Amino acid sequence: MTVDADAIEALAVVLEDLQEGRHSPIPPRTIKALSGLSMGGRRLRLDLEASRMLGAPLITVFETPCDTAFLSPLTPRQKEVARLLIDGKSNRDIAETCGISVATVKDHVHAVLQRLNLPSRGAVMAAARAAARN
């Protein structure tokens, strides 16, 4: 998973502005590049202090342990689909992200619901939020 060099450069400018007390908005292209990294249950952490010391943005991408435990009954592909579902993505969005057909997404969503013993997409989202709080 990569972020393009222009986005990193734009983020470096944003960090410099923050460190100098200027509060400029983050450019949309930077947000778009970073948002792709945070999909599917992943979280981003931008370490401002380490970024200052390194002279370049330090971004850490990680999964929360409770998310991993909640989804443990699922296969890797089902986990990927479930995380996108939890993020509120439509079947079409999930299909595009995963490079699979909408019919295959429907099969994965059905399998996720069965394996997690939940009745609906909304129930998966609610259970994931509950797991994240614990």
C-alpha atoms as a PDB file:
ATOM      1  CA  MET A   1       0.000   0.000   0.000  1.00  0.00           C
ATOM      2  CA  THR A   2       1.513   3.306  -1.054  1.00  0.00           C
ATOM      3  CA  VAL A   3       0.779   7.001  -0.984  1.00  0.00           C
ATOM      4  CA  ASP A   4       1.885   9.023  -3.973  1.00  0.00           C
ATOM      5  CA  ALA A   5       4.839  11.366  -3.566  1.00  0.00           C
ATOM      6  CA  ASP A   6       2.743  14.477  -4.280  1.00  0.00           C
ATOM      7  CA  ALA A   7       0.422  13.630  -1.384  1.00  0.00           C
ATOM      8  CA  ILE A   8       3.380  13.116   0.956  1.00  0.00           C
ATOM      9  CA  GLU A   9       4.846  16.438  -0.143  1.00  0.00           C
ATOM     10  CA  ALA A  10       1.507  18.184   0.403  1.00  0.00           C
ATOM     11  CA  LEU A  11       1.221  16.570   3.836  1.00  0.00           C
ATOM     12  CA  ALA A  12       4.723  17.769   4.688  1.00  0.00           C
ATOM     13  CA  VAL A  13       3.599  21.331   3.910  1.00  0.00           C
ATOM     14  CA  VAL A  14       0.544  20.853   6.144  1.00  0.00           C
ATOM     15  CA  LEU A  15       2.775  19.589   8.977  1.00  0.00           C
ATOM     16  CA  GLU A  16       5.120  22.530   8.565  1.00  0.00           C
ATOM     17  CA  ASP A  17       2.146  24.918   8.759  1.00  0.00           C
ATOM     18  CA  LEU A  18       0.902  23.210  11.931  1.00  0.00           C
ATOM     19  CA  GLN A  19       4.321  23.353  13.568  1.00  0.00           C
ATOM     20  CA  GLU A  20       4.615  27.055  12.789  1.00  0.00           C
ATOM     21  CA  GLY A  21       1.174  27.780  14.190  1.00  0.00           C
ATOM     22  CA  ARG A  22      -0.544  28.327  10.840  1.00  0.00           C
ATOM     23  CA  HIS A  23      -3.759  26.387  10.473  1.00  0.00           C
ATOM     24  CA  SER A  24      -4.291  25.990   6.744  1.00  0.00           C
ATOM     25  CA  PRO A  25      -6.796  23.427   5.454  1.00  0.00           C
ATOM     26  CA  ILE A  26      -5.400  20.085   4.323  1.00  0.00           C
ATOM     27  CA  PRO A  27      -5.476  19.923   0.510  1.00  0.00           C
ATOM     28  CA  PRO A  28      -8.185  17.573  -0.862  1.00  0.00           C
ATOM     29  CA  ARG A  29      -5.633  15.494  -2.810  1.00  0.00           C
ATOM     30  CA  THR A  30      -3.789  14.772   0.442  1.00  0.00           C
ATOM     31  CA  ILE A  31      -6.983  13.751   2.220  1.00  0.00           C
ATOM     32  CA  LYS A  32      -7.973  11.541  -0.720  1.00  0.00           C
ATOM     33  CA  ALA A  33      -4.607   9.765  -0.723  1.00  0.00           C
ATOM     34  CA  LEU A  34      -4.710   9.198   3.026  1.00  0.00           C
ATOM     35  CA  SER A  35      -8.367   8.133   3.099  1.00  0.00           C
ATOM     36  CA  GLY A  36      -7.532   5.160   0.895  1.00  0.00           C
ATOM     37  CA  LEU A  37      -5.112   3.963   3.553  1.00  0.00           C
ATOM     38  CA  SER A  38      -7.695   4.138   6.319  1.00  0.00           C
ATOM     39  CA  MET A  39     -10.376   2.049   4.643  1.00  0.00           C
ATOM     40  CA  GLY A  40     -11.339  -1.432   5.620  1.00  0.00           C
ATOM     41  CA  GLY A  41     -10.999  -1.109   9.365  1.00  0.00           C
ATOM     42  CA  ARG A  42      -7.502   0.290   9.264  1.00  0.00           C
ATOM     43  CA  ARG A  43      -6.637   3.396  11.211  1.00  0.00           C
ATOM     44  CA  LEU A  44      -4.065   6.083  10.493  1.00  0.00           C
ATOM     45  CA  ARG A  45      -1.898   7.793  13.040  1.00  0.00           C
ATOM     46  CA  LEU A  46       0.092  10.845  12.073  1.00  0.00           C
ATOM     47  CA  ASP A  47       2.966  11.327  14.501  1.00  0.00           C
ATOM     48  CA  LEU A  48       3.678  15.054  14.478  1.00  0.00           C
ATOM     49  CA  GLU A  49       6.693  14.877  16.802  1.00  0.00           C
ATOM     50  CA  ALA A  50       8.371  12.077  14.839  1.00  0.00           C
ATOM     51  CA  SER A  51       7.539  13.866  11.598  1.00  0.00           C
ATOM     52  CA  ARG A  52       9.287  16.984  12.887  1.00  0.00           C
ATOM     53  CA  MET A  53      12.353  14.980  13.900  1.00  0.00           C
ATOM     54  CA  LEU A  54      12.488  13.057  10.623  1.00  0.00           C
ATOM     55  CA  GLY A  55      11.761  16.049   8.437  1.00  0.00           C
ATOM     56  CA  ALA A  56       9.066  14.044   6.644  1.00  0.00           C
ATOM     57  CA  PRO A  57       5.559  12.882   7.549  1.00  0.00           C
ATOM     58  CA  LEU A  58       5.412   9.687   9.608  1.00  0.00           C
ATOM     59  CA  ILE A  59       2.114   7.907   9.077  1.00  0.00           C
ATOM     60  CA  THR A  60       1.383   4.596  10.793  1.00  0.00           C
ATOM     61  CA  VAL A  61      -1.369   2.343   9.441  1.00  0.00           C
ATOM     62  CA  PHE A  62      -2.713  -0.237  11.898  1.00  0.00           C
ATOM     63  CA  GLU A  63      -5.707  -2.389  12.757  1.00  0.00           C
ATOM     64  CA  THR A  64      -7.340  -2.195  16.153  1.00  0.00           C
ATOM     65  CA  PRO A  65      -7.099  -5.450  18.159  1.00  0.00           C
ATOM     66  CA  CYS A  66     -10.819  -5.466  18.993  1.00  0.00           C
ATOM     67  CA  ASP A  67     -11.605  -5.210  15.282  1.00  0.00           C
ATOM     68  CA  THR A  68      -9.352  -8.176  14.629  1.00  0.00           C
ATOM     69  CA  ALA A  69     -10.932 -10.220  17.461  1.00  0.00           C
ATOM     70  CA  PHE A  70     -14.481  -9.394  16.367  1.00  0.00           C
ATOM     71  CA  LEU A  71     -13.763 -10.535  12.822  1.00  0.00           C
ATOM     72  CA  SER A  72     -11.654 -13.575  13.783  1.00  0.00           C
ATOM     73  CA  PRO A  73     -14.248 -16.161  12.589  1.00  0.00           C
ATOM     74  CA  LEU A  74     -13.925 -14.820   9.031  1.00  0.00           C
ATOM     75  CA  THR A  75     -11.594 -15.720   6.179  1.00  0.00           C
ATOM     76  CA  PRO A  76      -9.148 -13.004   5.043  1.00  0.00           C
ATOM     77  CA  ARG A  77     -11.389 -12.017   2.091  1.00  0.00           C
ATOM     78  CA  GLN A  78     -14.487 -11.986   4.292  1.00  0.00           C
ATOM     79  CA  LYS A  79     -12.637  -9.737   6.753  1.00  0.00           C
ATOM     80  CA  GLU A  80     -11.780  -7.344   3.943  1.00  0.00           C
ATOM     81  CA  VAL A  81     -15.416  -7.259   2.806  1.00  0.00           C
ATOM     82  CA  ALA A  82     -16.665  -6.929   6.400  1.00  0.00           C
ATOM     83  CA  ARG A  83     -14.373  -3.970   7.100  1.00  0.00           C
ATOM     84  CA  LEU A  84     -15.618  -2.188   3.997  1.00  0.00           C
ATOM     85  CA  LEU A  85     -19.188  -3.024   4.971  1.00  0.00           C
ATOM     86  CA  ILE A  86     -18.514  -1.608   8.453  1.00  0.00           C
ATOM     87  CA  ASP A  87     -17.188   1.550   6.772  1.00  0.00           C
ATOM     88  CA  GLY A  88     -20.630   1.898   5.155  1.00  0.00           C
ATOM     89  CA  LYS A  89     -19.568   0.979   1.621  1.00  0.00           C
ATOM     90  CA  SER A  90     -22.165  -0.264  -0.850  1.00  0.00           C
ATOM     91  CA  ASN A  91     -21.849  -3.623  -2.594  1.00  0.00           C
ATOM     92  CA  ARG A  92     -20.762  -1.797  -5.742  1.00  0.00           C
ATOM     93  CA  ASP A  93     -18.065   0.150  -3.822  1.00  0.00           C
ATOM     94  CA  ILE A  94     -16.844  -3.059  -2.187  1.00  0.00           C
ATOM     95  CA  ALA A  95     -16.717  -4.798  -5.571  1.00  0.00           C
ATOM     96  CA  GLU A  96     -14.641  -1.981  -7.065  1.00  0.00           C
ATOM     97  CA  THR A  97     -12.271  -1.844  -4.097  1.00  0.00           C
ATOM     98  CA  CYS A  98     -11.728  -5.618  -4.015  1.00  0.00           C
ATOM     99  CA  GLY A  99     -11.718  -6.146  -7.784  1.00  0.00           C
ATOM    100  CA  ILE A 100     -14.587  -8.649  -7.665  1.00  0.00           C
ATOM    101  CA  SER A 101     -18.134  -8.757  -9.017  1.00  0.00           C
ATOM    102  CA  VAL A 102     -21.148  -7.424  -7.124  1.00  0.00           C
ATOM    103  CA  ALA A 103     -22.550 -10.981  -7.089  1.00  0.00           C
ATOM    104  CA  THR A 104     -19.379 -12.199  -5.348  1.00  0.00           C
ATOM    105  CA  VAL A 105     -19.666  -9.351  -2.834  1.00  0.00           C
ATOM    106  CA  LYS A 106     -23.224 -10.459  -2.068  1.00  0.00           C
ATOM    107  CA  ASP A 107     -21.952 -13.995  -1.451  1.00  0.00           C
ATOM    108  CA  HIS A 108     -19.242 -12.672   0.890  1.00  0.00           C
ATOM    109  CA  VAL A 109     -21.707 -10.427   2.765  1.00  0.00           C
ATOM    110  CA  HIS A 110     -24.043 -13.400   3.217  1.00  0.00           C
ATOM    111  CA  ALA A 111     -21.143 -15.525   4.518  1.00  0.00           C
ATOM    112  CA  VAL A 112     -20.072 -12.713   6.897  1.00  0.00           C
ATOM    113  CA  LEU A 113     -23.592 -12.473   8.318  1.00  0.00           C
ATOM    114  CA  GLN A 114     -23.764 -16.239   8.805  1.00  0.00           C
ATOM    115  CA  ARG A 115     -20.312 -16.594  10.387  1.00  0.00           C
ATOM    116  CA  LEU A 116     -20.882 -13.670  12.760  1.00  0.00           C
ATOM    117  CA  ASN A 117     -24.444 -14.870  13.437  1.00  0.00           C
ATOM    118  CA  LEU A 118     -25.866 -11.425  12.709  1.00  0.00           C
ATOM    119  CA  PRO A 119     -29.077 -10.609  10.813  1.00  0.00           C
ATOM    120  CA  SER A 120     -28.072  -7.561   8.757  1.00  0.00           C
ATOM    121  CA  ARG A 121     -25.371  -5.173   7.586  1.00  0.00           C
ATOM    122  CA  GLY A 122     -26.534  -2.700  10.217  1.00  0.00           C
ATOM    123  CA  ALA A 123     -26.097  -5.326  12.913  1.00  0.00           C
ATOM    124  CA  VAL A 124     -22.524  -5.926  11.736  1.00  0.00           C
ATOM    125  CA  MET A 125     -21.832  -2.198  11.912  1.00  0.00           C
ATOM    126  CA  ALA A 126     -23.347  -1.944  15.410  1.00  0.00           C
ATOM    127  CA  ALA A 127     -21.440  -4.997  16.655  1.00  0.00           C
ATOM    128  CA  ALA A 128     -18.192  -3.597  15.270  1.00  0.00           C
ATOM    129  CA  ARG A 129     -18.775  -0.273  17.077  1.00  0.00           C
ATOM    130  CA  ALA A 130     -19.502  -2.168  20.301  1.00  0.00           C
ATOM    131  CA  ALA A 131     -16.319  -4.243  19.880  1.00  0.00           C
ATOM    132  CA  ALA A 132     -14.291  -1.070  19.276  1.00  0.00           C
ATOM    133  CA  ARG A 133     -15.532   0.453  22.556  1.00  0.00           C
ATOM    134  CA  ASN A 134     -14.438  -2.598  24.599  1.00  0.00           C
END
